[in-house]
Amino acid sequence: MTLFYVVGLLALFYLLVVAEFFLPTGGFLGVTAVAMLAAAIGVAFSHSVVLGVGVILFVSLTTPLVLFGMLKVWPHTPIGRRMLNRRPGEVAADPIPRTTRRGTPLADLVGRIGRATTNLLPSGQVELGGEKIDAISIGTAIDRGSHVIVVSVETGRVRVRTAVEEELSYESSDSVPQSPQSLEESLESFDIE
């Protein structure tokens, strides 16, 4: 009879976990699911230690699978589509590439040299090609008036560092030699097999 109660409480636990994804209860069903799980483990241990440990192992192996499955299904449910502001069958679109005010894609700024128009502590403004752009200093603070080079653009934020003398000699030309972005790229440049 104890096994029947344990199985019933576990079934309620999983039912409430799944229902939490479909019904906007503010976590009430999740808290109730945890209470059902605690009751199932308590009843299992009251019967025997082996059954209690078995229930804990079963739950610890199956719960992540149920949660993973629900996270895959949830965006396609009515409440998931409503919360994610999607229409039926719509998939997440690629983000629109960010540009400067003049329309230059931010990704095209990598490697360009400019001048800091404000102190970058770590954020501030830089001027690149006559256009002022918000930027973030990587590493140390950069003083106003210093030459900077755009190192990367991550999540729409232009990241810069102080330009060294070698890079300043390329300031007039459009092609500044790029430093390898990763160790993998630098190893590929040696053509070692």
N, C-alpha and C. Protein backbone atom coordinates (compact mmCIF):
# COMPACT_ATOMS: atom_id res chain seq x y z
N MET A 1 0.82 -1.19 0.00
CA MET A 1 0.00 0.00 0.00
C MET A 1 0.87 1.27 0.00
N THR A 2 2.01 1.21 0.68
CA THR A 2 2.92 2.35 0.74
C THR A 2 3.43 2.70 -0.65
N LEU A 3 3.75 1.68 -1.43
CA LEU A 3 4.23 1.90 -2.78
C LEU A 3 3.18 2.63 -3.62
N PHE A 4 1.91 2.32 -3.42
CA PHE A 4 0.83 3.00 -4.13
C PHE A 4 0.83 4.49 -3.81
N TYR A 5 1.02 4.84 -2.53
CA TYR A 5 1.05 6.26 -2.14
C TYR A 5 2.26 6.98 -2.74
N VAL A 6 3.41 6.30 -2.74
CA VAL A 6 4.62 6.90 -3.30
C VAL A 6 4.43 7.17 -4.79
N VAL A 7 3.91 6.20 -5.53
CA VAL A 7 3.69 6.36 -6.96
C VAL A 7 2.66 7.47 -7.22
N GLY A 8 1.61 7.52 -6.42
CA GLY A 8 0.59 8.55 -6.58
C GLY A 8 1.13 9.94 -6.31
N LEU A 9 1.94 10.09 -5.27
CA LEU A 9 2.53 11.40 -4.96
C LEU A 9 3.53 11.83 -6.03
N LEU A 10 4.30 10.87 -6.56
CA LEU A 10 5.23 11.20 -7.65
C LEU A 10 4.47 11.59 -8.91
N ALA A 11 3.38 10.91 -9.19
CA ALA A 11 2.56 11.28 -10.36
C ALA A 11 2.01 12.69 -10.18
N LEU A 12 1.56 13.04 -8.98
CA LEU A 12 1.08 14.40 -8.71
C LEU A 12 2.21 15.41 -8.88
N PHE A 13 3.40 15.05 -8.41
CA PHE A 13 4.56 15.93 -8.55
C PHE A 13 4.80 16.27 -10.01
N TYR A 14 4.90 15.24 -10.87
CA TYR A 14 5.17 15.48 -12.29
C TYR A 14 4.01 16.20 -12.97
N LEU A 15 2.78 15.88 -12.60
CA LEU A 15 1.62 16.55 -13.16
C LEU A 15 1.64 18.04 -12.83
N LEU A 16 1.99 18.38 -11.58
CA LEU A 16 2.04 19.79 -11.18
C LEU A 16 3.21 20.53 -11.84
N VAL A 17 4.34 19.83 -12.02
CA VAL A 17 5.49 20.45 -12.70
C VAL A 17 5.11 20.80 -14.14
N VAL A 18 4.45 19.87 -14.83
CA VAL A 18 4.04 20.12 -16.21
C VAL A 18 2.99 21.23 -16.25
N ALA A 19 2.04 21.20 -15.30
CA ALA A 19 0.98 22.22 -15.28
C ALA A 19 1.55 23.61 -15.02
N GLU A 20 2.65 23.69 -14.28
CA GLU A 20 3.28 24.99 -14.00
C GLU A 20 3.68 25.69 -15.29
N PHE A 21 4.04 24.93 -16.31
CA PHE A 21 4.44 25.51 -17.59
C PHE A 21 3.24 26.02 -18.39
N PHE A 22 2.06 25.46 -18.16
CA PHE A 22 0.88 25.81 -18.95
C PHE A 22 -0.03 26.82 -18.28
N LEU A 23 0.00 26.91 -16.97
CA LEU A 23 -0.91 27.78 -16.24
C LEU A 23 -0.14 28.89 -15.53
N PRO A 24 -0.54 30.13 -15.70
CA PRO A 24 0.17 31.24 -15.03
C PRO A 24 -0.28 31.37 -13.56
N THR A 25 0.32 30.58 -12.68
CA THR A 25 -0.09 30.60 -11.26
C THR A 25 0.91 31.34 -10.38
N GLY A 26 1.92 31.91 -10.96
CA GLY A 26 2.91 32.65 -10.16
C GLY A 26 3.75 31.76 -9.28
N GLY A 27 3.91 30.50 -9.66
CA GLY A 27 4.76 29.59 -8.88
C GLY A 27 4.02 28.76 -7.86
N PHE A 28 2.72 28.97 -7.71
CA PHE A 28 1.95 28.20 -6.72
C PHE A 28 1.99 26.71 -7.02
N LEU A 29 1.83 26.33 -8.30
CA LEU A 29 1.87 24.91 -8.65
C LEU A 29 3.27 24.33 -8.44
N GLY A 30 4.29 25.12 -8.67
CA GLY A 30 5.66 24.66 -8.44
C GLY A 30 5.92 24.37 -6.97
N VAL A 31 5.44 25.26 -6.10
CA VAL A 31 5.61 25.05 -4.66
C VAL A 31 4.83 23.82 -4.22
N THR A 32 3.63 23.65 -4.76
CA THR A 32 2.82 22.48 -4.42
C THR A 32 3.50 21.20 -4.93
N ALA A 33 4.13 21.27 -6.11
CA ALA A 33 4.85 20.12 -6.65
C ALA A 33 6.00 19.72 -5.74
N VAL A 34 6.72 20.69 -5.22
CA VAL A 34 7.82 20.40 -4.30
C VAL A 34 7.28 19.76 -3.02
N ALA A 35 6.13 20.21 -2.55
CA ALA A 35 5.52 19.61 -1.36
C ALA A 35 5.14 18.16 -1.63
N MET A 36 4.61 17.87 -2.83
CA MET A 36 4.26 16.49 -3.19
C MET A 36 5.52 15.62 -3.26
N LEU A 37 6.60 16.18 -3.78
CA LEU A 37 7.85 15.44 -3.85
C LEU A 37 8.37 15.12 -2.45
N ALA A 38 8.33 16.12 -1.58
CA ALA A 38 8.79 15.90 -0.20
C ALA A 38 7.93 14.83 0.49
N ALA A 39 6.62 14.87 0.24
CA ALA A 39 5.73 13.86 0.83
C ALA A 39 6.05 12.48 0.28
N ALA A 40 6.31 12.37 -1.02
CA ALA A 40 6.64 11.07 -1.62
C ALA A 40 7.93 10.51 -1.04
N ILE A 41 8.92 11.35 -0.87
CA ILE A 41 10.20 10.89 -0.29
C ILE A 41 10.00 10.50 1.16
N GLY A 42 9.22 11.29 1.91
CA GLY A 42 8.96 10.96 3.32
C GLY A 42 8.24 9.64 3.46
N VAL A 43 7.21 9.40 2.65
CA VAL A 43 6.47 8.12 2.71
C VAL A 43 7.39 6.97 2.31
N ALA A 44 8.23 7.18 1.31
CA ALA A 44 9.14 6.12 0.87
C ALA A 44 10.13 5.76 1.97
N PHE A 45 10.68 6.74 2.66
CA PHE A 45 11.62 6.46 3.74
C PHE A 45 10.92 5.84 4.94
N SER A 46 9.64 6.15 5.14
CA SER A 46 8.92 5.53 6.26
C SER A 46 8.71 4.04 6.01
N HIS A 47 8.69 3.63 4.74
CA HIS A 47 8.57 2.22 4.41
C HIS A 47 9.91 1.52 4.54
N SER A 48 10.94 2.05 3.86
CA SER A 48 12.29 1.49 3.97
C SER A 48 13.29 2.49 3.41
N VAL A 49 14.52 2.35 3.85
CA VAL A 49 15.59 3.23 3.39
C VAL A 49 15.88 2.97 1.90
N VAL A 50 15.81 1.71 1.49
CA VAL A 50 16.08 1.36 0.10
C VAL A 50 15.06 2.03 -0.82
N LEU A 51 13.78 1.99 -0.45
CA LEU A 51 12.75 2.64 -1.26
C LEU A 51 12.96 4.15 -1.28
N GLY A 52 13.32 4.75 -0.16
CA GLY A 52 13.57 6.19 -0.10
C GLY A 52 14.71 6.61 -1.00
N VAL A 53 15.81 5.88 -0.94
CA VAL A 53 16.97 6.19 -1.79
C VAL A 53 16.60 5.95 -3.25
N GLY A 54 15.84 4.91 -3.53
CA GLY A 54 15.41 4.63 -4.91
C GLY A 54 14.55 5.75 -5.46
N VAL A 55 13.65 6.29 -4.64
CA VAL A 55 12.80 7.40 -5.09
C VAL A 55 13.65 8.64 -5.37
N ILE A 56 14.61 8.92 -4.49
CA ILE A 56 15.49 10.08 -4.70
C ILE A 56 16.28 9.92 -6.00
N LEU A 57 16.82 8.73 -6.25
CA LEU A 57 17.57 8.50 -7.49
C LEU A 57 16.66 8.63 -8.72
N PHE A 58 15.45 8.05 -8.63
CA PHE A 58 14.51 8.13 -9.74
C PHE A 58 14.15 9.57 -10.06
N VAL A 59 13.86 10.34 -9.03
CA VAL A 59 13.47 11.74 -9.23
C VAL A 59 14.65 12.56 -9.76
N SER A 60 15.84 12.31 -9.23
CA SER A 60 17.00 13.09 -9.67
C SER A 60 17.39 12.78 -11.12
N LEU A 61 17.01 11.61 -11.62
CA LEU A 61 17.31 11.28 -13.01
C LEU A 61 16.20 11.72 -13.97
N THR A 62 14.95 11.65 -13.53
CA THR A 62 13.85 11.94 -14.45
C THR A 62 13.42 13.40 -14.45
N THR A 63 13.55 14.10 -13.36
CA THR A 63 13.10 15.49 -13.30
C THR A 63 13.82 16.38 -14.31
N PRO A 64 15.15 16.29 -14.45
CA PRO A 64 15.80 17.12 -15.48
C PRO A 64 15.30 16.81 -16.89
N LEU A 65 14.99 15.54 -17.15
CA LEU A 65 14.47 15.18 -18.48
C LEU A 65 13.10 15.81 -18.71
N VAL A 66 12.24 15.78 -17.69
CA VAL A 66 10.91 16.39 -17.82
C VAL A 66 11.04 17.90 -18.01
N LEU A 67 11.90 18.54 -17.22
CA LEU A 67 12.09 19.99 -17.34
C LEU A 67 12.66 20.36 -18.71
N PHE A 68 13.62 19.59 -19.19
CA PHE A 68 14.20 19.85 -20.51
C PHE A 68 13.13 19.72 -21.59
N GLY A 69 12.33 18.66 -21.51
CA GLY A 69 11.25 18.48 -22.47
C GLY A 69 10.25 19.61 -22.44
N MET A 70 9.90 20.08 -21.24
CA MET A 70 8.94 21.17 -21.13
C MET A 70 9.52 22.47 -21.67
N LEU A 71 10.81 22.70 -21.48
CA LEU A 71 11.43 23.91 -22.02
C LEU A 71 11.46 23.89 -23.55
N LYS A 72 11.52 22.70 -24.14
CA LYS A 72 11.46 22.58 -25.59
C LYS A 72 10.04 22.81 -26.11
N VAL A 73 9.03 22.34 -25.35
CA VAL A 73 7.64 22.43 -25.78
C VAL A 73 7.03 23.78 -25.44
N TRP A 74 7.43 24.38 -24.34
CA TRP A 74 6.79 25.59 -23.81
C TRP A 74 6.67 26.74 -24.82
N PRO A 75 7.71 27.06 -25.62
CA PRO A 75 7.55 28.18 -26.56
C PRO A 75 6.44 27.97 -27.59
N HIS A 76 6.00 26.72 -27.79
CA HIS A 76 4.96 26.43 -28.77
C HIS A 76 3.57 26.36 -28.15
N THR A 77 3.47 26.54 -26.83
CA THR A 77 2.18 26.53 -26.16
C THR A 77 1.57 27.93 -26.24
N PRO A 78 0.25 28.05 -26.04
CA PRO A 78 -0.37 29.38 -26.10
C PRO A 78 0.25 30.37 -25.11
N ILE A 79 0.48 29.94 -23.88
CA ILE A 79 1.06 30.87 -22.90
C ILE A 79 2.51 31.19 -23.24
N GLY A 80 3.26 30.21 -23.77
CA GLY A 80 4.64 30.46 -24.17
C GLY A 80 4.72 31.45 -25.31
N ARG A 81 3.84 31.28 -26.31
CA ARG A 81 3.83 32.23 -27.44
C ARG A 81 3.44 33.62 -26.98
N ARG A 82 2.50 33.69 -26.05
CA ARG A 82 2.06 35.00 -25.56
C ARG A 82 3.18 35.68 -24.78
N MET A 83 3.89 34.93 -23.95
CA MET A 83 4.97 35.54 -23.16
C MET A 83 6.16 35.92 -24.02
N LEU A 84 6.40 35.14 -25.07
CA LEU A 84 7.52 35.44 -25.97
C LEU A 84 7.12 36.34 -27.12
N ASN A 85 5.82 36.71 -27.17
CA ASN A 85 5.29 37.61 -28.19
C ASN A 85 5.52 37.05 -29.60
N ARG A 86 5.14 35.78 -29.79
CA ARG A 86 5.28 35.14 -31.09
C ARG A 86 3.91 34.69 -31.60
N ARG A 87 3.82 34.63 -32.92
CA ARG A 87 2.62 34.09 -33.54
C ARG A 87 2.80 32.59 -33.72
N PRO A 88 1.72 31.83 -33.91
CA PRO A 88 1.87 30.38 -34.13
C PRO A 88 2.76 30.11 -35.33
N GLY A 89 3.73 29.22 -35.16
CA GLY A 89 4.64 28.84 -36.23
C GLY A 89 5.81 29.78 -36.43
N GLU A 90 5.82 30.91 -35.76
CA GLU A 90 6.90 31.88 -35.92
C GLU A 90 8.11 31.43 -35.12
N VAL A 91 9.26 31.55 -35.70
CA VAL A 91 10.50 31.23 -35.00
C VAL A 91 11.24 32.52 -34.72
N ALA A 92 12.17 32.46 -33.80
CA ALA A 92 12.94 33.66 -33.45
C ALA A 92 13.75 34.10 -34.66
N ALA A 93 13.61 35.34 -35.04
CA ALA A 93 14.33 35.89 -36.19
C ALA A 93 15.74 36.31 -35.79
N ASP A 94 16.61 36.37 -36.78
CA ASP A 94 17.95 36.88 -36.51
C ASP A 94 17.83 38.35 -36.14
N PRO A 95 18.61 38.78 -35.15
CA PRO A 95 18.52 40.18 -34.78
C PRO A 95 19.00 41.09 -35.91
N ILE A 96 18.40 42.25 -35.98
CA ILE A 96 18.78 43.23 -36.99
C ILE A 96 20.17 43.75 -36.64
N PRO A 97 21.10 43.74 -37.60
CA PRO A 97 22.44 44.22 -37.28
C PRO A 97 22.40 45.69 -36.87
N ARG A 98 23.09 46.01 -35.81
CA ARG A 98 23.10 47.39 -35.32
C ARG A 98 24.04 48.23 -36.17
N THR A 99 23.66 49.48 -36.34
CA THR A 99 24.45 50.38 -37.17
C THR A 99 24.67 51.69 -36.42
N THR A 100 25.58 52.49 -36.96
CA THR A 100 25.79 53.83 -36.44
C THR A 100 24.68 54.73 -36.97
N ARG A 101 24.69 55.99 -36.60
CA ARG A 101 23.67 56.93 -37.08
C ARG A 101 23.73 57.12 -38.58
N ARG A 102 24.91 56.97 -39.14
CA ARG A 102 25.07 57.12 -40.59
C ARG A 102 24.77 55.83 -41.35
N GLY A 103 24.52 54.74 -40.62
CA GLY A 103 24.16 53.48 -41.26
C GLY A 103 25.29 52.49 -41.42
N THR A 104 26.46 52.79 -40.88
CA THR A 104 27.58 51.85 -40.95
C THR A 104 27.34 50.72 -39.95
N PRO A 105 27.38 49.46 -40.38
CA PRO A 105 27.23 48.36 -39.42
C PRO A 105 28.34 48.40 -38.38
N LEU A 106 27.96 48.18 -37.13
CA LEU A 106 28.96 48.23 -36.06
C LEU A 106 30.06 47.19 -36.27
N ALA A 107 29.73 46.06 -36.86
CA ALA A 107 30.74 45.02 -37.08
C ALA A 107 31.84 45.50 -38.03
N ASP A 108 31.52 46.46 -38.90
CA ASP A 108 32.52 46.99 -39.83
C ASP A 108 33.52 47.93 -39.15
N LEU A 109 33.26 48.32 -37.92
CA LEU A 109 34.15 49.24 -37.21
C LEU A 109 35.37 48.54 -36.61
N VAL A 110 35.33 47.23 -36.51
CA VAL A 110 36.44 46.49 -35.89
C VAL A 110 37.72 46.76 -36.65
N GLY A 111 38.76 47.18 -35.93
CA GLY A 111 40.05 47.48 -36.52
C GLY A 111 40.24 48.95 -36.87
N ARG A 112 39.18 49.74 -36.81
CA ARG A 112 39.28 51.17 -37.15
C ARG A 112 39.88 51.94 -35.98
N ILE A 113 40.62 52.98 -36.31
CA ILE A 113 41.27 53.81 -35.31
C ILE A 113 40.53 55.14 -35.22
N GLY A 114 40.35 55.59 -33.99
CA GLY A 114 39.69 56.86 -33.76
C GLY A 114 40.30 57.56 -32.56
N ARG A 115 39.55 58.51 -32.02
CA ARG A 115 40.05 59.29 -30.89
C ARG A 115 38.95 59.33 -29.83
N ALA A 116 39.35 59.21 -28.57
CA ALA A 116 38.40 59.28 -27.46
C ALA A 116 37.98 60.73 -27.27
N THR A 117 36.68 61.01 -27.34
CA THR A 117 36.19 62.38 -27.14
C THR A 117 35.81 62.64 -25.69
N THR A 118 35.69 61.58 -24.90
CA THR A 118 35.47 61.69 -23.45
C THR A 118 36.39 60.69 -22.77
N ASN A 119 36.54 60.82 -21.47
CA ASN A 119 37.27 59.80 -20.72
C ASN A 119 36.45 58.52 -20.74
N LEU A 120 37.09 57.40 -21.01
CA LEU A 120 36.41 56.12 -21.00
C LEU A 120 36.72 55.44 -19.67
N LEU A 121 35.75 55.43 -18.76
CA LEU A 121 35.95 54.94 -17.39
C LEU A 121 34.95 53.87 -17.00
N PRO A 122 34.66 52.83 -17.56
CA PRO A 122 35.18 52.30 -18.81
C PRO A 122 34.37 52.72 -20.02
N SER A 123 33.20 53.38 -19.84
CA SER A 123 32.42 53.75 -21.02
C SER A 123 32.55 55.24 -21.29
N GLY A 124 32.30 55.59 -22.54
CA GLY A 124 32.38 56.98 -22.95
C GLY A 124 32.11 57.06 -24.44
N GLN A 125 32.62 58.12 -25.07
CA GLN A 125 32.42 58.30 -26.51
C GLN A 125 33.74 58.36 -27.23
N VAL A 126 33.74 57.82 -28.44
CA VAL A 126 34.89 57.91 -29.33
C VAL A 126 34.43 58.47 -30.66
N GLU A 127 35.37 59.04 -31.40
CA GLU A 127 35.06 59.55 -32.73
C GLU A 127 35.78 58.68 -33.74
N LEU A 128 34.99 58.10 -34.65
CA LEU A 128 35.54 57.25 -35.70
C LEU A 128 35.05 57.80 -37.04
N GLY A 129 35.95 58.28 -37.85
CA GLY A 129 35.56 58.78 -39.16
C GLY A 129 34.58 59.94 -39.09
N GLY A 130 34.73 60.83 -38.12
CA GLY A 130 33.86 61.99 -37.98
C GLY A 130 32.52 61.69 -37.32
N GLU A 131 32.35 60.50 -36.82
CA GLU A 131 31.09 60.12 -36.18
C GLU A 131 31.34 59.73 -34.73
N LYS A 132 30.54 60.29 -33.82
CA LYS A 132 30.68 59.96 -32.40
C LYS A 132 29.89 58.70 -32.09
N ILE A 133 30.55 57.77 -31.38
CA ILE A 133 29.97 56.47 -31.07
C ILE A 133 30.24 56.16 -29.61
N ASP A 134 29.22 55.62 -28.93
CA ASP A 134 29.41 55.17 -27.55
C ASP A 134 30.29 53.93 -27.57
N ALA A 135 31.24 53.86 -26.63
CA ALA A 135 32.18 52.74 -26.59
C ALA A 135 32.51 52.38 -25.16
N ILE A 136 33.08 51.19 -25.01
CA ILE A 136 33.52 50.70 -23.70
C ILE A 136 34.98 50.33 -23.81
N SER A 137 35.76 50.78 -22.85
CA SER A 137 37.19 50.46 -22.80
C SER A 137 37.37 49.06 -22.23
N ILE A 138 38.23 48.28 -22.87
CA ILE A 138 38.58 46.99 -22.28
C ILE A 138 39.90 47.19 -21.55
N GLY A 139 39.99 46.66 -20.40
CA GLY A 139 41.23 46.82 -19.62
C GLY A 139 41.20 48.08 -18.79
N THR A 140 42.08 49.03 -19.10
CA THR A 140 42.22 50.23 -18.28
C THR A 140 41.40 51.39 -18.83
N ALA A 141 41.32 52.43 -18.03
CA ALA A 141 40.63 53.66 -18.44
C ALA A 141 41.43 54.33 -19.56
N ILE A 142 40.73 55.05 -20.43
CA ILE A 142 41.38 55.74 -21.54
C ILE A 142 41.07 57.23 -21.39
N ASP A 143 42.10 58.05 -21.48
CA ASP A 143 41.94 59.50 -21.34
C ASP A 143 41.38 60.11 -22.62
N ARG A 144 40.65 61.22 -22.44
CA ARG A 144 40.10 61.96 -23.58
C ARG A 144 41.24 62.43 -24.47
N GLY A 145 41.06 62.30 -25.76
CA GLY A 145 42.08 62.71 -26.73
C GLY A 145 43.01 61.59 -27.15
N SER A 146 42.99 60.46 -26.45
CA SER A 146 43.87 59.34 -26.80
C SER A 146 43.36 58.63 -28.05
N HIS A 147 44.30 58.07 -28.81
CA HIS A 147 43.92 57.27 -29.96
C HIS A 147 43.44 55.91 -29.47
N VAL A 148 42.36 55.44 -30.07
CA VAL A 148 41.81 54.14 -29.70
C VAL A 148 41.61 53.31 -30.96
N ILE A 149 41.55 51.99 -30.77
CA ILE A 149 41.25 51.08 -31.86
C ILE A 149 40.08 50.20 -31.42
N VAL A 150 39.16 49.97 -32.34
CA VAL A 150 38.01 49.13 -32.04
C VAL A 150 38.47 47.68 -32.07
N VAL A 151 38.28 47.00 -30.96
CA VAL A 151 38.72 45.61 -30.83
C VAL A 151 37.61 44.64 -31.20
N SER A 152 36.39 44.91 -30.74
CA SER A 152 35.28 44.01 -31.03
C SER A 152 33.96 44.74 -30.85
N VAL A 153 32.91 44.10 -31.32
CA VAL A 153 31.54 44.58 -31.09
C VAL A 153 30.78 43.39 -30.53
N GLU A 154 30.34 43.49 -29.29
CA GLU A 154 29.63 42.41 -28.63
C GLU A 154 28.30 42.94 -28.11
N THR A 155 27.24 42.27 -28.48
CA THR A 155 25.87 42.64 -28.09
C THR A 155 25.60 44.12 -28.32
N GLY A 156 26.05 44.62 -29.46
CA GLY A 156 25.78 46.00 -29.82
C GLY A 156 26.66 47.02 -29.13
N ARG A 157 27.65 46.58 -28.40
CA ARG A 157 28.54 47.50 -27.70
C ARG A 157 29.92 47.47 -28.35
N VAL A 158 30.41 48.66 -28.68
CA VAL A 158 31.71 48.80 -29.31
C VAL A 158 32.76 48.79 -28.20
N ARG A 159 33.71 47.87 -28.31
CA ARG A 159 34.78 47.74 -27.30
C ARG A 159 36.09 48.22 -27.92
N VAL A 160 36.77 49.11 -27.18
CA VAL A 160 38.00 49.72 -27.70
C VAL A 160 39.13 49.57 -26.68
N ARG A 161 40.33 49.78 -27.19
CA ARG A 161 41.52 49.85 -26.33
C ARG A 161 42.42 50.95 -26.89
N THR A 162 43.41 51.34 -26.12
CA THR A 162 44.36 52.37 -26.58
C THR A 162 45.16 51.82 -27.75
N ALA A 163 45.28 52.59 -28.81
CA ALA A 163 46.05 52.18 -29.99
C ALA A 163 47.54 52.35 -29.71
N VAL A 164 48.33 51.44 -30.18
CA VAL A 164 49.79 51.52 -30.01
C VAL A 164 50.38 52.21 -31.24
N GLU A 165 51.65 52.62 -31.14
CA GLU A 165 52.32 53.38 -32.21
C GLU A 165 52.27 52.68 -33.55
N GLU A 166 52.47 51.35 -33.56
CA GLU A 166 52.44 50.59 -34.79
C GLU A 166 51.12 50.77 -35.52
N GLU A 167 50.04 50.72 -34.76
CA GLU A 167 48.71 50.83 -35.36
C GLU A 167 48.43 52.24 -35.85
N LEU A 168 49.01 53.23 -35.20
CA LEU A 168 48.79 54.62 -35.62
C LEU A 168 49.40 54.91 -36.98
N SER A 169 50.44 54.17 -37.37
CA SER A 169 51.04 54.38 -38.68
C SER A 169 50.08 53.94 -39.79
N TYR A 170 49.12 53.11 -39.47
CA TYR A 170 48.13 52.67 -40.45
C TYR A 170 46.87 53.53 -40.43
N GLU A 171 46.87 54.59 -39.61
CA GLU A 171 45.67 55.40 -39.42
C GLU A 171 45.14 55.98 -40.73
N SER A 172 46.02 56.36 -41.65
CA SER A 172 45.55 56.98 -42.89
C SER A 172 45.01 55.95 -43.87
N SER A 173 45.48 54.71 -43.78
CA SER A 173 44.97 53.70 -44.71
C SER A 173 43.74 53.02 -44.12
N ASP A 174 42.98 52.40 -44.99
CA ASP A 174 41.76 51.74 -44.55
C ASP A 174 42.03 50.36 -43.98
N SER A 175 43.18 49.78 -44.27
CA SER A 175 43.42 48.40 -43.84
C SER A 175 44.41 48.37 -42.69
N VAL A 176 43.88 48.27 -41.50
CA VAL A 176 44.71 48.09 -40.32
C VAL A 176 44.90 46.60 -40.15
N PRO A 177 46.13 46.12 -39.97
CA PRO A 177 46.32 44.68 -39.80
C PRO A 177 45.55 44.21 -38.56
N GLN A 178 44.79 43.15 -38.74
CA GLN A 178 43.97 42.62 -37.66
C GLN A 178 44.80 41.64 -36.84
N SER A 179 44.65 41.73 -35.54
CA SER A 179 45.27 40.74 -34.68
C SER A 179 44.32 39.55 -34.60
N PRO A 180 44.84 38.34 -34.42
CA PRO A 180 43.96 37.17 -34.35
C PRO A 180 42.95 37.32 -33.22
N GLN A 181 41.69 36.97 -33.48
CA GLN A 181 40.64 37.10 -32.48
C GLN A 181 40.72 35.96 -31.46
N SER A 182 41.28 34.84 -31.84
CA SER A 182 41.34 33.72 -30.90
C SER A 182 42.60 32.92 -31.15
N LEU A 183 42.91 32.06 -30.23
CA LEU A 183 44.08 31.20 -30.36
C LEU A 183 43.93 30.30 -31.58
N GLU A 184 42.72 29.83 -31.83
CA GLU A 184 42.47 28.96 -32.96
C GLU A 184 42.82 29.65 -34.27
N GLU A 185 42.43 30.91 -34.43
CA GLU A 185 42.76 31.66 -35.65
C GLU A 185 44.25 31.86 -35.78
N SER A 186 44.94 32.11 -34.66
CA SER A 186 46.37 32.35 -34.75
C SER A 186 47.11 31.06 -35.11
N LEU A 187 46.63 29.91 -34.65
CA LEU A 187 47.24 28.65 -35.03
C LEU A 187 47.02 28.35 -36.49
N GLU A 188 45.84 28.69 -37.02
CA GLU A 188 45.55 28.46 -38.42
C GLU A 188 46.44 29.30 -39.32
N SER A 189 46.88 30.47 -38.84
CA SER A 189 47.69 31.35 -39.66
C SER A 189 49.07 30.77 -39.91
N PHE A 190 49.51 29.81 -39.11
CA PHE A 190 50.82 29.20 -39.31
C PHE A 190 50.79 28.03 -40.30
N ASP A 191 49.59 27.62 -40.72
CA ASP A 191 49.42 26.50 -41.66
C ASP A 191 50.15 25.25 -41.20
N ILE A 192 50.04 24.94 -39.93
CA ILE A 192 50.66 23.72 -39.37
C ILE A 192 49.63 22.61 -39.42
N GLU A 193 50.05 21.47 -39.94
CA GLU A 193 49.13 20.34 -40.01
C GLU A 193 49.51 19.27 -39.04
